[in-house]
Every structure is written in structure tokens, then in C-alpha cells.
Amino acid sequence: MEFLINLDGNLLLWIQEYIRQDWMDGFWKVITAFGDSGIFWIALSILLLIPKQTRRIGITALAALAIGALITNIALKPLIGRTRPYEVIDGLVTLIGKQSDDSFPSGHTCASFAAAGVYWRMMPRKYGIPLLIFAALIAFSRLYVGVHYPSDVLGGLLIGLFAAWAAWRIQENLSEKKRISHKPL
């Protein structure tokens, strides 16, 4: 376990040393801000509620965001209580303000992959794939700005994808029940 903890910290220091560049800092700060409180994903999902043909996608994405938030913010963060990396890793410099919650799992990553996972599953690939790439950029931004360990981001990604799958399955089951109940006798 000690090896994994050290690997987590060493990866962050490696990113800081070899990937961070002054000219890229502003870009990654903006990308990470898109994940704040899941607002971007919530707003996009609400917009998808407006046209009838995308309403089911918007509802499913909002459900995935809720499932992910319950698992991440209500259950796991308080239960695990992992300290943020910039508080314990000597030499790690955060590029944004201190975060008010615990580190594991990454809520930004969870929300991003919960919504983007639904979009990827339910939208044409020309929309779903760029949104998944955007989710990956938000996830990486959390490492770049120094506020999450790689394992926090991996945990958020897995929970987000699970939330997307669970919301999609619930939506599929409800749609199937609706189809069966509306079949003519």
C-alpha cells in the first residue's frame, strides 16, 4: 500500500516538473473550472431537456450526475476523508485555491464521466466522443493543477462511468415497461 501512495505522489510531482508549463497554466485552470460543481454538465443536460428528441438524454444525464454525486460527495468523500495532496506532498504547488472537501474520489472527474458517459451512449458519436474527450481533459486538469492524486481521478472516473451505466439501465428499464404497458391488446 505504501508503494501505491508513493507512486500517487511521485506522479503528481512528475507532472509538475515535466508537464506543467507557464504558458499552459491558464488553459488548465479554465478546463478545471468547467468541472466546478458539475455546472457545465448540469447546464448541458438541462439544455438537452428542451428539444423533445433529446429530452431522454438530458434526464438520463441528470440522473447519472445525481447517482455520481451521491456516491462521491455524500458517501465516499466523508467516509474515506483523504487529505488533499498539496497538504502532504512536499514541493507540490497547487495552481488554484484550496479545496473545501476531501480528496478521494474526484468529484469533477465523476461528474464529467457520469454525464459524458451518458452522452456517449445515447448521442451520435460525433457529439459523444468530443464530450468524452472533454471529460478526460477535466480529469487530467485536476492532476495538472495539483488538487487530486491520480488514484482520486481514477476513482472518480470509475464511479462516473458506473453512474452513467446505472442511469442508462434505469432509463432503459423504464422505457421497456412503458412500451409493454402501452401495447395494444
C-alpha atoms as a PDB file:
ATOM      1  CA  MET A   1       0.000   0.000   0.000  1.00  0.00           C
ATOM      2  CA  GLU A   2       2.877   2.343   0.815  1.00  0.00           C
ATOM      3  CA  PHE A   3       4.214   1.803  -2.728  1.00  0.00           C
ATOM      4  CA  LEU A   4       0.897   2.956  -4.242  1.00  0.00           C
ATOM      5  CA  ILE A   5       0.731   6.012  -2.004  1.00  0.00           C
ATOM      6  CA  ASN A   6       4.275   6.980  -3.010  1.00  0.00           C
ATOM      7  CA  LEU A   7       3.519   6.332  -6.683  1.00  0.00           C
ATOM      8  CA  ASP A   8       0.475   8.629  -6.458  1.00  0.00           C
ATOM      9  CA  GLY A   9       2.556  11.459  -5.022  1.00  0.00           C
ATOM     10  CA  ASN A  10       5.515  10.896  -7.329  1.00  0.00           C
ATOM     11  CA  LEU A  11       3.248  11.037 -10.391  1.00  0.00           C
ATOM     12  CA  LEU A  12       1.954  14.442  -9.280  1.00  0.00           C
ATOM     13  CA  LEU A  13       5.469  15.739  -8.759  1.00  0.00           C
ATOM     14  CA  TRP A  14       6.441  14.359 -12.191  1.00  0.00           C
ATOM     15  CA  ILE A  15       3.503  16.185 -13.809  1.00  0.00           C
ATOM     16  CA  GLN A  16       4.520  19.367 -12.001  1.00  0.00           C
ATOM     17  CA  GLU A  17       8.164  19.006 -13.046  1.00  0.00           C
ATOM     18  CA  TYR A  18       7.861  17.785 -16.642  1.00  0.00           C
ATOM     19  CA  ILE A  19       4.406  18.643 -17.987  1.00  0.00           C
ATOM     20  CA  ARG A  20       3.470  21.937 -16.331  1.00  0.00           C
ATOM     21  CA  GLN A  21       4.444  24.950 -18.375  1.00  0.00           C
ATOM     22  CA  ASP A  22       3.695  28.565 -17.524  1.00  0.00           C
ATOM     23  CA  TRP A  23       2.105  29.114 -20.933  1.00  0.00           C
ATOM     24  CA  MET A  24      -0.343  26.203 -20.346  1.00  0.00           C
ATOM     25  CA  ASP A  25      -1.389  27.059 -16.785  1.00  0.00           C
ATOM     26  CA  GLY A  26      -4.240  29.374 -17.803  1.00  0.00           C
ATOM     27  CA  PHE A  27      -5.685  26.774 -20.181  1.00  0.00           C
ATOM     28  CA  TRP A  28      -5.751  24.065 -17.499  1.00  0.00           C
ATOM     29  CA  LYS A  29      -7.222  26.430 -14.906  1.00  0.00           C
ATOM     30  CA  VAL A  30     -10.098  27.196 -17.298  1.00  0.00           C
ATOM     31  CA  ILE A  31     -10.594  23.491 -18.103  1.00  0.00           C
ATOM     32  CA  THR A  32     -10.712  22.582 -14.406  1.00  0.00           C
ATOM     33  CA  ALA A  33     -13.224  25.392 -13.761  1.00  0.00           C
ATOM     34  CA  PHE A  34     -15.616  23.752 -16.252  1.00  0.00           C
ATOM     35  CA  GLY A  35     -15.928  20.903 -13.757  1.00  0.00           C
ATOM     36  CA  ASP A  36     -16.728  23.105 -10.743  1.00  0.00           C
ATOM     37  CA  SER A  37     -19.849  21.702  -9.040  1.00  0.00           C
ATOM     38  CA  GLY A  38     -20.692  19.889 -12.284  1.00  0.00           C
ATOM     39  CA  ILE A  39     -22.303  23.121 -13.511  1.00  0.00           C
ATOM     40  CA  PHE A  40     -21.217  22.701 -17.147  1.00  0.00           C
ATOM     41  CA  TRP A  41     -22.635  19.162 -17.275  1.00  0.00           C
ATOM     42  CA  ILE A  42     -25.820  20.145 -15.444  1.00  0.00           C
ATOM     43  CA  ALA A  43     -26.380  23.112 -17.776  1.00  0.00           C
ATOM     44  CA  LEU A  44     -25.793  20.977 -20.881  1.00  0.00           C
ATOM     45  CA  SER A  45     -28.184  18.320 -19.585  1.00  0.00           C
ATOM     46  CA  ILE A  46     -30.845  20.944 -18.858  1.00  0.00           C
ATOM     47  CA  LEU A  47     -30.432  22.316 -22.382  1.00  0.00           C
ATOM     48  CA  LEU A  48     -30.996  18.796 -23.695  1.00  0.00           C
ATOM     49  CA  LEU A  49     -34.363  18.750 -21.895  1.00  0.00           C
ATOM     50  CA  ILE A  50     -35.715  21.467 -24.202  1.00  0.00           C
ATOM     51  CA  PRO A  51     -35.942  19.617 -27.558  1.00  0.00           C
ATOM     52  CA  LYS A  52     -38.228  16.592 -27.319  1.00  0.00           C
ATOM     53  CA  GLN A  53     -35.806  14.397 -29.282  1.00  0.00           C
ATOM     54  CA  THR A  54     -33.004  14.876 -26.699  1.00  0.00           C
ATOM     55  CA  ARG A  55     -35.125  15.046 -23.549  1.00  0.00           C
ATOM     56  CA  ARG A  56     -34.474  11.412 -22.599  1.00  0.00           C
ATOM     57  CA  ILE A  57     -30.713  12.042 -22.867  1.00  0.00           C
ATOM     58  CA  GLY A  58     -30.930  15.103 -20.623  1.00  0.00           C
ATOM     59  CA  ILE A  59     -32.980  13.276 -17.996  1.00  0.00           C
ATOM     60  CA  THR A  60     -30.625  10.293 -18.043  1.00  0.00           C
ATOM     61  CA  ALA A  61     -27.537  12.516 -17.748  1.00  0.00           C
ATOM     62  CA  LEU A  62     -29.071  14.397 -14.794  1.00  0.00           C
ATOM     63  CA  ALA A  63     -29.845  11.054 -13.142  1.00  0.00           C
ATOM     64  CA  ALA A  64     -26.236   9.925 -13.712  1.00  0.00           C
ATOM     65  CA  LEU A  65     -24.950  13.169 -12.190  1.00  0.00           C
ATOM     66  CA  ALA A  66     -27.182  12.619  -9.145  1.00  0.00           C
ATOM     67  CA  ILE A  67     -26.050   8.991  -8.733  1.00  0.00           C
ATOM     68  CA  GLY A  68     -22.405  10.025  -9.039  1.00  0.00           C
ATOM     69  CA  ALA A  69     -22.804  12.885  -6.556  1.00  0.00           C
ATOM     70  CA  LEU A  70     -24.488  10.613  -4.015  1.00  0.00           C
ATOM     71  CA  ILE A  71     -21.713   8.035  -4.236  1.00  0.00           C
ATOM     72  CA  THR A  72     -18.847  10.527  -4.370  1.00  0.00           C
ATOM     73  CA  ASN A  73     -19.837  13.518  -2.255  1.00  0.00           C
ATOM     74  CA  ILE A  74     -22.343  12.038   0.169  1.00  0.00           C
ATOM     75  CA  ALA A  75     -20.883   8.561   0.762  1.00  0.00           C
ATOM     76  CA  LEU A  76     -17.196   8.194  -0.129  1.00  0.00           C
ATOM     77  CA  LYS A  77     -15.546  11.575   0.484  1.00  0.00           C
ATOM     78  CA  PRO A  78     -16.734  11.832   4.120  1.00  0.00           C
ATOM     79  CA  LEU A  79     -16.187   8.111   4.750  1.00  0.00           C
ATOM     80  CA  ILE A  80     -12.629   7.989   3.396  1.00  0.00           C
ATOM     81  CA  GLY A  81     -11.568  11.535   4.338  1.00  0.00           C
ATOM     82  CA  ARG A  82      -8.416  11.573   2.223  1.00  0.00           C
ATOM     83  CA  THR A  83      -6.276  14.685   2.643  1.00  0.00           C
ATOM     84  CA  ARG A  84      -5.561  16.750  -0.461  1.00  0.00           C
ATOM     85  CA  PRO A  85      -2.129  16.088  -1.975  1.00  0.00           C
ATOM     86  CA  TYR A  86      -0.882  19.670  -1.695  1.00  0.00           C
ATOM     87  CA  GLU A  87      -1.306  19.377   2.080  1.00  0.00           C
ATOM     88  CA  VAL A  88       1.028  16.392   2.439  1.00  0.00           C
ATOM     89  CA  ILE A  89       3.427  16.285  -0.535  1.00  0.00           C
ATOM     90  CA  ASP A  90       6.487  18.436  -0.012  1.00  0.00           C
ATOM     91  CA  GLY A  91       7.149  20.625  -3.025  1.00  0.00           C
ATOM     92  CA  LEU A  92       3.737  20.211  -4.683  1.00  0.00           C
ATOM     93  CA  VAL A  93       2.329  23.582  -5.674  1.00  0.00           C
ATOM     94  CA  THR A  94      -1.378  23.963  -6.407  1.00  0.00           C
ATOM     95  CA  LEU A  95      -2.366  26.340  -9.196  1.00  0.00           C
ATOM     96  CA  ILE A  96      -5.850  27.035  -7.842  1.00  0.00           C
ATOM     97  CA  GLY A  97      -7.321  27.761  -4.426  1.00  0.00           C
ATOM     98  CA  LYS A  98      -7.506  25.199  -1.680  1.00  0.00           C
ATOM     99  CA  GLN A  99     -10.462  22.855  -1.977  1.00  0.00           C
ATOM    100  CA  SER A 100     -13.076  22.663   0.768  1.00  0.00           C
ATOM    101  CA  ASP A 101     -13.765  18.921   0.641  1.00  0.00           C
ATOM    102  CA  ASP A 102     -11.766  15.708   0.836  1.00  0.00           C
ATOM    103  CA  SER A 103      -9.679  14.337  -1.998  1.00  0.00           C
ATOM    104  CA  PHE A 104     -10.985  10.821  -2.806  1.00  0.00           C
ATOM    105  CA  PRO A 105     -12.672  10.415  -5.218  1.00  0.00           C
ATOM    106  CA  SER A 106     -12.520  13.340  -7.636  1.00  0.00           C
ATOM    107  CA  GLY A 107     -15.965  14.912  -7.907  1.00  0.00           C
ATOM    108  CA  HIS A 108     -15.005  16.858 -11.040  1.00  0.00           C
ATOM    109  CA  THR A 109     -13.985  13.625 -12.743  1.00  0.00           C
ATOM    110  CA  CYS A 110     -17.032  11.719 -11.519  1.00  0.00           C
ATOM    111  CA  ALA A 111     -19.483  14.352 -12.764  1.00  0.00           C
ATOM    112  CA  SER A 112     -17.660  14.676 -16.073  1.00  0.00           C
ATOM    113  CA  PHE A 113     -17.682  10.962 -16.820  1.00  0.00           C
ATOM    114  CA  ALA A 114     -21.208  10.434 -15.469  1.00  0.00           C
ATOM    115  CA  ALA A 115     -22.642  12.952 -17.942  1.00  0.00           C
ATOM    116  CA  ALA A 116     -20.223  12.276 -20.814  1.00  0.00           C
ATOM    117  CA  GLY A 117     -20.768   8.526 -20.426  1.00  0.00           C
ATOM    118  CA  VAL A 118     -24.497   9.030 -20.955  1.00  0.00           C
ATOM    119  CA  TYR A 119     -23.902  11.347 -23.908  1.00  0.00           C
ATOM    120  CA  TRP A 120     -21.510   8.848 -25.473  1.00  0.00           C
ATOM    121  CA  ARG A 121     -24.042   6.035 -25.050  1.00  0.00           C
ATOM    122  CA  MET A 122     -27.137   7.916 -26.176  1.00  0.00           C
ATOM    123  CA  MET A 123     -25.965  10.577 -28.658  1.00  0.00           C
ATOM    124  CA  PRO A 124     -24.426  10.236 -32.101  1.00  0.00           C
ATOM    125  CA  ARG A 125     -20.680   9.601 -31.814  1.00  0.00           C
ATOM    126  CA  LYS A 126     -19.861  12.975 -33.397  1.00  0.00           C
ATOM    127  CA  TYR A 127     -21.149  14.535 -30.146  1.00  0.00           C
ATOM    128  CA  GLY A 128     -20.437  11.768 -27.632  1.00  0.00           C
ATOM    129  CA  ILE A 129     -16.751  11.306 -28.420  1.00  0.00           C
ATOM    130  CA  PRO A 130     -15.782  15.018 -28.115  1.00  0.00           C
ATOM    131  CA  LEU A 131     -17.679  15.196 -24.817  1.00  0.00           C
ATOM    132  CA  LEU A 132     -15.782  12.155 -23.506  1.00  0.00           C
ATOM    133  CA  ILE A 133     -12.527  13.821 -24.562  1.00  0.00           C
ATOM    134  CA  PHE A 134     -13.611  16.976 -22.731  1.00  0.00           C
ATOM    135  CA  ALA A 135     -14.346  14.865 -19.620  1.00  0.00           C
ATOM    136  CA  ALA A 136     -10.831  13.394 -19.870  1.00  0.00           C
ATOM    137  CA  LEU A 137      -9.352  16.904 -20.108  1.00  0.00           C
ATOM    138  CA  ILE A 138     -11.222  17.938 -16.959  1.00  0.00           C
ATOM    139  CA  ALA A 139      -9.978  14.793 -15.199  1.00  0.00           C
ATOM    140  CA  PHE A 140      -6.361  15.467 -16.188  1.00  0.00           C
ATOM    141  CA  SER A 141      -6.707  19.119 -15.182  1.00  0.00           C
ATOM    142  CA  ARG A 142      -7.228  18.019 -11.581  1.00  0.00           C
ATOM    143  CA  LEU A 143      -3.750  16.474 -11.636  1.00  0.00           C
ATOM    144  CA  TYR A 144      -2.213  19.361 -13.533  1.00  0.00           C
ATOM    145  CA  VAL A 145      -3.433  21.966 -11.027  1.00  0.00           C
ATOM    146  CA  GLY A 146      -2.318  19.739  -8.126  1.00  0.00           C
ATOM    147  CA  VAL A 147      -5.552  19.186  -6.214  1.00  0.00           C
ATOM    148  CA  HIS A 148      -6.026  15.412  -6.688  1.00  0.00           C
ATOM    149  CA  TYR A 149      -3.959  12.267  -6.641  1.00  0.00           C
ATOM    150  CA  PRO A 150      -4.072  10.068  -9.774  1.00  0.00           C
ATOM    151  CA  SER A 151      -5.979   7.430  -7.773  1.00  0.00           C
ATOM    152  CA  ASP A 152      -8.608  10.075  -6.877  1.00  0.00           C
ATOM    153  CA  VAL A 153      -9.112  10.770 -10.573  1.00  0.00           C
ATOM    154  CA  LEU A 154      -9.221   7.060 -11.431  1.00  0.00           C
ATOM    155  CA  GLY A 155     -11.795   6.504  -8.671  1.00  0.00           C
ATOM    156  CA  GLY A 156     -13.900   9.418  -9.939  1.00  0.00           C
ATOM    157  CA  LEU A 157     -13.710   8.090 -13.495  1.00  0.00           C
ATOM    158  CA  LEU A 158     -14.870   4.597 -12.472  1.00  0.00           C
ATOM    159  CA  ILE A 159     -17.693   5.919 -10.303  1.00  0.00           C
ATOM    160  CA  GLY A 160     -18.753   8.334 -13.054  1.00  0.00           C
ATOM    161  CA  LEU A 161     -18.878   5.562 -15.652  1.00  0.00           C
ATOM    162  CA  PHE A 162     -20.805   3.354 -13.224  1.00  0.00           C
ATOM    163  CA  ALA A 163     -23.278   6.199 -12.610  1.00  0.00           C
ATOM    164  CA  ALA A 164     -23.701   6.681 -16.382  1.00  0.00           C
ATOM    165  CA  TRP A 165     -24.316   2.954 -16.862  1.00  0.00           C
ATOM    166  CA  ALA A 166     -26.750   2.770 -13.916  1.00  0.00           C
ATOM    167  CA  ALA A 167     -28.771   5.782 -15.095  1.00  0.00           C
ATOM    168  CA  TRP A 168     -28.859   4.401 -18.649  1.00  0.00           C
ATOM    169  CA  ARG A 169     -30.027   0.970 -17.379  1.00  0.00           C
ATOM    170  CA  ILE A 170     -32.753   2.577 -15.243  1.00  0.00           C
ATOM    171  CA  GLN A 171     -33.888   4.630 -18.248  1.00  0.00           C
ATOM    172  CA  GLU A 172     -33.896   1.530 -20.482  1.00  0.00           C
ATOM    173  CA  ASN A 173     -35.909  -0.476 -17.933  1.00  0.00           C
ATOM    174  CA  LEU A 174     -38.449   2.317 -17.515  1.00  0.00           C
ATOM    175  CA  SER A 175     -38.757   2.717 -21.294  1.00  0.00           C
ATOM    176  CA  GLU A 176     -39.290  -1.025 -21.721  1.00  0.00           C
ATOM    177  CA  LYS A 177     -42.009  -1.089 -19.037  1.00  0.00           C
ATOM    178  CA  LYS A 178     -43.675   1.883 -20.724  1.00  0.00           C
ATOM    179  CA  ARG A 179     -43.582   0.135 -24.121  1.00  0.00           C
ATOM    180  CA  ILE A 180     -45.065  -3.043 -22.661  1.00  0.00           C
ATOM    181  CA  SER A 181     -47.839  -1.202 -20.822  1.00  0.00           C
ATOM    182  CA  HIS A 182     -48.823   0.721 -23.980  1.00  0.00           C
ATOM    183  CA  LYS A 183     -49.011  -2.288 -26.334  1.00  0.00           C
ATOM    184  CA  PRO A 184     -52.463  -2.789 -27.799  1.00  0.00           C
ATOM    185  CA  LEU A 185     -54.259  -5.961 -26.704  1.00  0.00           C
END
